[in-house]
C-alpha cells in the first residue's frame, strides 16, 4: 500500500497553480527558477517534488503526453486485484490437489 502524501492536496494544487501562473506572466526567466523559488517559499522539501507535480498536472490537463492520474490509479487497482486473484487461484489449486488425493486413496474399513 502506498504511503499517504506528506503534503495536503490543497498545497499541491496551490503550488502547481502558482508555478503555472508565474511562468505564464513571465515573472521568472525559466520554469525551473519558478519551481525552485516557489518550492522554497511554500516549504516543499525538494524542487523535484514540485516539478513532478507540475508535470503530472500537465499530463492531467492534456498539454503533455503520458498517463493521467486516473489511469495510474486504475492500473494500480487492477494490479492489486490481479495479484489477489492469483493468490486465490493458487489456494484453489492446492485444495483441489489435496481433495483429489483423498479420493484416490482406498477406503479404510
Protein backbone atom coordinates (compact mmCIF):
# COMPACT_ATOMS: atom_id res chain seq x y z
CA UNK A 1 0.00 0.00 0.00
CA UNK A 2 1.31 3.45 -0.86
CA UNK A 3 2.13 5.77 1.95
CA UNK A 4 -0.03 8.86 2.36
CA UNK A 5 1.35 12.09 0.97
CA UNK A 6 3.28 14.35 3.26
CA UNK A 7 1.68 17.36 1.61
CA UNK A 8 -2.06 18.09 1.55
CA UNK A 9 -3.80 18.10 -1.83
CA UNK A 10 -4.68 21.80 -1.46
CA UNK A 11 -0.98 22.70 -1.07
CA UNK A 12 -0.04 20.67 -4.14
CA UNK A 13 -2.77 22.31 -6.23
CA UNK A 14 -1.83 25.78 -5.00
CA UNK A 15 1.87 25.22 -5.73
CA UNK A 16 1.17 23.97 -9.27
CA UNK A 17 -1.15 26.89 -9.89
CA UNK A 18 1.48 29.36 -8.62
CA UNK A 19 4.14 27.90 -10.93
CA UNK A 20 1.81 27.89 -13.94
CA UNK A 21 0.64 31.46 -13.37
CA UNK A 22 4.11 32.87 -12.66
CA UNK A 23 5.62 31.24 -15.76
CA UNK A 24 2.72 32.48 -17.92
CA UNK A 25 3.15 36.00 -16.52
CA UNK A 26 6.89 35.90 -17.21
CA UNK A 27 7.87 36.57 -13.59
CA UNK A 28 10.82 34.17 -13.82
CA UNK A 29 13.38 33.57 -16.54
CA UNK A 30 12.75 29.83 -16.57
CA UNK A 31 10.25 27.29 -15.30
CA UNK A 32 12.96 25.71 -13.15
CA UNK A 33 13.65 29.01 -11.40
CA UNK A 34 9.94 29.40 -10.69
CA UNK A 35 9.70 25.87 -9.33
CA UNK A 36 12.78 26.28 -7.14
CA UNK A 37 11.63 29.62 -5.72
CA UNK A 38 8.03 28.58 -5.09
CA UNK A 39 9.09 25.27 -3.52
CA UNK A 40 11.30 27.14 -1.07
CA UNK A 41 8.59 29.72 -0.35
CA UNK A 42 5.95 27.06 0.41
CA UNK A 43 8.29 24.83 2.42
CA UNK A 44 8.28 21.93 -0.03
CA UNK A 45 11.32 19.77 0.73
CA UNK A 46 12.68 19.47 -2.79
CA UNK A 47 12.09 21.39 -6.02
CA UNK A 48 11.98 17.99 -7.74
CA UNK A 49 8.80 17.19 -5.82
CA UNK A 50 7.10 20.30 -7.15
CA UNK A 51 8.46 19.64 -10.67
CA UNK A 52 6.80 16.19 -10.63
CA UNK A 53 3.51 17.74 -9.50
CA UNK A 54 3.69 20.29 -12.33
CA UNK A 55 4.45 17.59 -14.93
CA UNK A 56 1.59 15.39 -13.68
CA UNK A 57 -0.79 18.37 -13.78
CA UNK A 58 0.27 18.99 -17.38
CA UNK A 59 -0.44 15.34 -18.25
CA UNK A 60 -3.82 15.50 -16.49
CA UNK A 61 -4.62 18.72 -18.34
CA UNK A 62 -3.78 17.18 -21.71
CA UNK A 63 -0.90 19.51 -22.53
CA UNK A 64 1.74 16.80 -22.09
CA UNK A 65 1.64 13.16 -23.21
CA UNK A 66 1.57 10.44 -20.59
CA UNK A 67 -0.72 8.53 -18.26
CA UNK A 68 -3.19 10.61 -16.29
CA UNK A 69 -3.59 10.28 -12.54
CA UNK A 70 -6.88 8.46 -13.03
CA UNK A 71 -5.26 5.95 -15.40
CA UNK A 72 -2.40 5.35 -12.96
CA UNK A 73 -4.86 4.71 -10.12
CA UNK A 74 -6.85 2.31 -12.30
CA UNK A 75 -3.68 0.40 -13.28
CA UNK A 76 -2.62 0.21 -9.63
CA UNK A 77 -6.05 -1.15 -8.61
CA UNK A 78 -6.05 -3.70 -11.44
CA UNK A 79 -2.57 -4.92 -10.49
CA UNK A 80 -3.69 -5.33 -6.89
CA UNK A 81 -6.79 -7.25 -7.98
CA UNK A 82 -4.71 -9.42 -10.32
CA UNK A 83 -2.31 -10.36 -7.51
CA UNK A 84 -5.22 -11.18 -5.20
CA UNK A 85 -6.84 -13.39 -7.85
CA UNK A 86 -3.55 -15.20 -8.47
CA UNK A 87 -3.23 -15.94 -4.74
CA UNK A 88 -6.81 -17.23 -4.62
CA UNK A 89 -6.15 -19.39 -7.69
CA UNK A 90 -3.07 -20.94 -6.04
CA UNK A 91 -5.10 -21.73 -2.92
CA UNK A 92 -7.80 -23.37 -5.02
CA UNK A 93 -5.21 -25.43 -6.92
CA UNK A 94 -3.72 -26.67 -3.66
CA UNK A 95 -7.14 -27.54 -2.25
CA UNK A 96 -8.09 -29.31 -5.47
CA UNK A 97 -4.93 -31.42 -5.38
CA UNK A 98 -5.49 -32.26 -1.72
CA UNK A 99 -9.08 -33.42 -2.24
CA UNK A 100 -8.19 -35.32 -5.42
CA UNK A 101 -5.55 -37.24 -3.44
CA UNK A 102 -8.16 -38.05 -0.78
CA UNK A 103 -10.47 -39.55 -3.41
CA UNK A 104 -7.69 -41.76 -4.83
CA UNK A 105 -6.92 -43.46 -1.51
CA UNK A 106 -8.53 -46.81 -0.81
CA UNK A 107 -11.23 -46.67 1.87
CA UNK A 108 -10.39 -47.84 5.41
CA UNK A 109 -12.94 -50.34 6.75
